[in-house]
N, C-alpha and C. Protein backbone atom coordinates (compact mmCIF):
# COMPACT_ATOMS: atom_id res chain seq x y z
N UNK A 1 0.86 -1.24 0.06
CA UNK A 1 -0.06 0.08 0.02
C UNK A 1 0.84 1.25 0.02
N UNK A 2 1.88 1.27 0.72
CA UNK A 2 2.84 2.38 0.82
C UNK A 2 3.40 2.74 -0.48
N UNK A 3 3.83 1.68 -1.18
CA UNK A 3 4.43 1.85 -2.63
C UNK A 3 3.38 2.44 -3.56
N UNK A 4 2.06 1.97 -3.48
CA UNK A 4 1.09 2.49 -4.37
C UNK A 4 0.80 3.96 -4.07
N UNK A 5 0.82 4.34 -2.79
CA UNK A 5 0.62 5.75 -2.34
C UNK A 5 1.77 6.57 -2.92
N UNK A 6 2.93 6.09 -2.83
CA UNK A 6 4.02 6.87 -3.39
C UNK A 6 4.00 6.96 -4.88
N UNK A 7 3.55 5.97 -5.55
CA UNK A 7 3.44 5.99 -7.02
C UNK A 7 2.38 6.98 -7.42
N UNK A 8 1.20 6.87 -6.69
CA UNK A 8 0.08 7.89 -6.88
C UNK A 8 0.63 9.33 -6.63
N UNK A 9 1.36 9.60 -5.65
CA UNK A 9 1.82 10.98 -5.40
C UNK A 9 2.79 11.36 -6.42
N UNK A 10 3.54 10.53 -7.06
CA UNK A 10 4.53 10.89 -8.06
C UNK A 10 3.70 11.27 -9.37
N UNK A 11 2.61 10.46 -9.55
CA UNK A 11 1.77 10.80 -10.72
C UNK A 11 1.08 12.22 -10.58
N UNK A 12 0.55 12.43 -9.38
CA UNK A 12 -0.09 13.76 -9.11
C UNK A 12 0.92 14.95 -9.22
N UNK A 13 2.17 14.60 -8.75
CA UNK A 13 3.23 15.51 -8.86
C UNK A 13 3.51 15.92 -10.34
N UNK A 14 3.50 14.89 -11.14
CA UNK A 14 3.75 15.11 -12.65
C UNK A 14 2.59 15.99 -13.19
N UNK A 15 1.41 15.64 -12.78
CA UNK A 15 0.26 16.49 -13.28
C UNK A 15 0.41 17.95 -12.84
N UNK A 16 0.81 18.19 -11.54
CA UNK A 16 1.13 19.54 -11.16
C UNK A 16 2.18 20.21 -11.95
N UNK A 17 3.27 19.44 -12.23
CA UNK A 17 4.29 19.91 -13.01
C UNK A 17 3.90 20.44 -14.40
N UNK A 18 3.09 19.57 -15.07
CA UNK A 18 2.58 19.98 -16.37
C UNK A 18 1.73 21.23 -16.31
N UNK A 19 0.84 21.28 -15.22
CA UNK A 19 0.02 22.50 -15.09
C UNK A 19 0.82 23.75 -14.75
N UNK A 20 1.92 23.52 -13.98
CA UNK A 20 2.76 24.71 -13.71
C UNK A 20 3.50 25.14 -14.94
N UNK A 21 4.04 24.14 -15.65
CA UNK A 21 4.68 24.57 -16.94
C UNK A 21 3.78 25.35 -17.90
N UNK A 22 2.47 24.90 -17.94
CA UNK A 22 1.48 25.64 -18.74
C UNK A 22 1.26 27.08 -18.32
N UNK A 23 1.48 27.26 -16.93
CA UNK A 23 1.28 28.73 -16.49
C UNK A 23 2.43 29.59 -16.94
N UNK A 24 3.68 29.05 -16.91
CA UNK A 24 4.82 29.84 -17.24
C UNK A 24 5.23 29.89 -18.66
N UNK A 25 4.87 28.78 -19.32
CA UNK A 25 5.17 28.65 -20.77
C UNK A 25 3.91 28.04 -21.41
N UNK A 26 2.92 28.74 -21.85
CA UNK A 26 1.66 28.10 -22.22
C UNK A 26 1.79 27.26 -23.46
N UNK A 27 1.05 26.14 -23.47
CA UNK A 27 1.06 25.26 -24.64
C UNK A 27 0.32 25.92 -25.79
N UNK A 28 0.46 25.48 -26.94
CA UNK A 28 -0.26 26.20 -28.07
C UNK A 28 -1.76 25.83 -28.17
N UNK A 29 -2.55 26.75 -28.75
CA UNK A 29 -3.93 26.56 -29.00
C UNK A 29 -4.80 26.40 -27.80
N UNK A 30 -5.80 25.54 -27.96
CA UNK A 30 -6.89 25.39 -26.88
C UNK A 30 -6.24 24.57 -25.72
N UNK A 31 -5.12 23.92 -25.93
CA UNK A 31 -4.62 23.13 -24.89
C UNK A 31 -4.30 24.00 -23.63
N UNK A 32 -3.78 25.15 -23.82
CA UNK A 32 -3.47 26.05 -22.66
C UNK A 32 -4.75 26.44 -21.96
N UNK A 33 -5.80 26.69 -22.60
CA UNK A 33 -7.10 27.04 -21.96
C UNK A 33 -7.58 25.95 -21.08
N UNK A 34 -7.56 24.71 -21.69
CA UNK A 34 -8.04 23.59 -21.00
C UNK A 34 -7.23 23.32 -19.70
N UNK A 35 -6.00 23.43 -19.85
CA UNK A 35 -5.01 23.26 -18.73
C UNK A 35 -5.22 24.31 -17.64
N UNK A 36 -5.62 25.55 -18.14
CA UNK A 36 -5.85 26.64 -17.01
C UNK A 36 -7.15 26.20 -16.24
N UNK A 37 -8.16 25.78 -16.95
CA UNK A 37 -9.40 25.23 -16.27
C UNK A 37 -9.03 24.10 -15.40
N UNK A 38 -8.19 23.20 -15.82
CA UNK A 38 -7.91 21.98 -14.98
C UNK A 38 -7.15 22.38 -13.76
N UNK A 39 -6.20 23.36 -13.92
CA UNK A 39 -5.42 23.88 -12.80
C UNK A 39 -6.33 24.48 -11.69
N UNK A 40 -7.28 25.33 -12.19
CA UNK A 40 -8.20 25.92 -11.17
C UNK A 40 -9.10 24.92 -10.48
N UNK A 41 -9.52 23.88 -11.21
CA UNK A 41 -10.42 22.91 -10.71
C UNK A 41 -9.66 22.05 -9.78
N UNK A 42 -8.45 21.57 -10.11
CA UNK A 42 -7.71 20.80 -9.18
C UNK A 42 -7.24 21.53 -7.86
N UNK A 43 -6.87 22.88 -8.07
CA UNK A 43 -6.51 23.55 -6.90
C UNK A 43 -7.71 23.67 -5.92
N UNK A 44 -8.88 23.99 -6.61
CA UNK A 44 -10.10 24.20 -5.86
C UNK A 44 -10.48 22.96 -5.10
N UNK A 45 -10.48 21.83 -5.75
CA UNK A 45 -10.97 20.60 -5.17
C UNK A 45 -9.95 20.17 -4.06
N UNK A 46 -8.72 20.30 -4.27
CA UNK A 46 -7.77 19.86 -3.17
C UNK A 46 -7.83 20.85 -2.02
N UNK A 47 -8.07 22.14 -2.37
CA UNK A 47 -8.26 23.08 -1.25
C UNK A 47 -9.46 22.81 -0.42
N UNK A 48 -10.56 22.48 -1.05
CA UNK A 48 -11.73 22.08 -0.34
C UNK A 48 -11.52 20.81 0.53
N UNK A 49 -10.75 19.82 0.05
CA UNK A 49 -10.35 18.66 0.82
C UNK A 49 -9.52 19.12 1.99
N UNK A 50 -8.60 19.90 1.85
CA UNK A 50 -7.74 20.32 2.94
C UNK A 50 -8.48 21.11 3.90
N UNK A 51 -9.41 21.97 3.55
CA UNK A 51 -10.15 22.80 4.51
C UNK A 51 -11.14 21.86 5.24
N UNK A 52 -11.81 20.90 4.65
CA UNK A 52 -12.76 19.95 5.28
C UNK A 52 -11.98 19.07 6.30
N UNK A 53 -10.85 18.60 5.86
CA UNK A 53 -10.10 17.68 6.74
C UNK A 53 -9.49 18.41 7.94
N UNK A 54 -8.88 19.57 7.73
CA UNK A 54 -8.30 20.28 8.85
C UNK A 54 -9.42 20.81 9.74
N UNK A 55 -10.59 21.21 9.22
CA UNK A 55 -11.70 21.74 9.97
C UNK A 55 -12.27 20.61 10.90
N UNK A 56 -12.39 19.41 10.28
CA UNK A 56 -12.95 18.32 11.02
C UNK A 56 -12.04 17.60 12.02
N UNK A 57 -10.75 17.52 11.62
CA UNK A 57 -9.88 16.72 12.39
C UNK A 57 -8.62 17.57 12.94
N UNK A 58 -8.57 18.86 12.66
CA UNK A 58 -7.40 19.63 12.94
C UNK A 58 -7.06 19.66 14.50
N UNK A 59 -8.05 19.57 15.31
CA UNK A 59 -7.82 19.60 16.76
C UNK A 59 -7.59 18.13 17.24
N UNK A 60 -8.06 17.19 16.52
CA UNK A 60 -7.83 15.75 16.99
C UNK A 60 -6.58 15.08 16.57
N UNK A 61 -6.05 15.57 15.40
CA UNK A 61 -4.87 14.90 14.82
C UNK A 61 -3.77 15.96 14.79
N UNK A 62 -2.70 15.71 15.46
CA UNK A 62 -1.47 16.57 15.39
C UNK A 62 -0.77 16.47 14.14
N UNK A 63 -0.96 17.30 13.14
CA UNK A 63 -0.37 17.25 11.90
C UNK A 63 0.75 18.29 11.79
N UNK A 64 1.78 17.95 10.98
CA UNK A 64 2.83 18.81 10.69
C UNK A 64 2.32 19.80 9.57
N UNK A 65 3.11 20.84 9.40
CA UNK A 65 2.69 21.86 8.34
C UNK A 65 2.87 21.10 6.97
N UNK A 66 3.84 20.21 6.76
CA UNK A 66 3.94 19.58 5.51
C UNK A 66 2.72 18.64 5.24
N UNK A 67 2.27 18.02 6.25
CA UNK A 67 1.07 17.12 6.08
C UNK A 67 -0.12 17.97 5.66
N UNK A 68 -0.37 19.17 6.31
CA UNK A 68 -1.46 19.98 5.81
C UNK A 68 -1.25 20.50 4.40
N UNK A 69 -0.08 20.91 3.99
CA UNK A 69 0.20 21.34 2.64
C UNK A 69 0.10 20.15 1.63
N UNK A 70 0.50 18.94 2.07
CA UNK A 70 0.45 17.85 1.15
C UNK A 70 -0.94 17.45 0.80
N UNK A 71 -1.91 17.75 1.68
CA UNK A 71 -3.30 17.59 1.30
C UNK A 71 -3.66 18.46 0.02
N UNK A 72 -3.17 19.68 0.04
CA UNK A 72 -3.40 20.51 -0.99
C UNK A 72 -2.80 20.10 -2.34
N UNK A 73 -1.59 19.55 -2.10
CA UNK A 73 -0.83 19.11 -3.38
C UNK A 73 -1.34 17.72 -3.92
N UNK A 74 -1.57 16.79 -2.97
CA UNK A 74 -1.71 15.38 -3.39
C UNK A 74 -3.13 14.92 -3.16
N UNK A 75 -3.96 15.69 -2.54
CA UNK A 75 -5.49 15.33 -2.36
C UNK A 75 -5.67 14.01 -1.50
N UNK A 76 -6.47 13.19 -2.05
CA UNK A 76 -6.88 11.99 -1.37
C UNK A 76 -5.71 11.07 -0.96
N UNK A 77 -4.60 11.10 -1.73
CA UNK A 77 -3.51 10.29 -1.58
C UNK A 77 -2.77 10.74 -0.33
N UNK A 78 -2.71 11.98 -0.07
CA UNK A 78 -2.08 12.52 1.19
C UNK A 78 -2.97 12.11 2.41
N UNK A 79 -4.32 12.25 2.21
CA UNK A 79 -5.22 11.74 3.31
C UNK A 79 -5.10 10.27 3.63
N UNK A 80 -4.98 9.50 2.57
CA UNK A 80 -4.72 8.05 2.85
C UNK A 80 -3.40 7.80 3.59
N UNK A 81 -2.39 8.54 3.20
CA UNK A 81 -1.03 8.48 3.85
C UNK A 81 -1.17 8.90 5.27
N UNK A 82 -1.80 9.93 5.53
CA UNK A 82 -2.01 10.48 6.94
C UNK A 82 -2.83 9.40 7.80
N UNK A 83 -3.83 8.87 7.25
CA UNK A 83 -4.72 7.85 7.89
C UNK A 83 -3.84 6.60 8.22
N UNK A 84 -3.04 6.29 7.22
CA UNK A 84 -2.06 5.08 7.45
C UNK A 84 -1.24 5.41 8.56
N UNK A 85 -0.58 6.58 8.66
CA UNK A 85 0.29 6.91 9.64
C UNK A 85 -0.32 6.84 11.06
N UNK A 86 -1.55 7.49 11.25
CA UNK A 86 -2.11 7.58 12.57
C UNK A 86 -2.94 6.42 12.89
N UNK A 87 -3.26 5.44 12.11
CA UNK A 87 -3.99 4.20 12.39
C UNK A 87 -3.05 3.11 13.00
N UNK A 88 -1.78 3.22 12.75
CA UNK A 88 -0.85 2.25 13.24
C UNK A 88 -0.68 2.38 14.72
């Protein structure tokens, strides 16, 4: 399970890399517009996940700053990793 979570985080990291490259060096044509929309949607959805998790469990689970930010970057895969860490 740990290996699959790491692989998923690498994949999401690659997606963020492509989206960041598009911001600084836009791809040609409609691709750039689609990637801008995807960037906003991904940022918004991961932001909602982070706010919900921190709001619900922030006082019950002592998380580091990196764990809080990792929810924003990696979404559900970070949440699964945090759950695995505190369930042991």
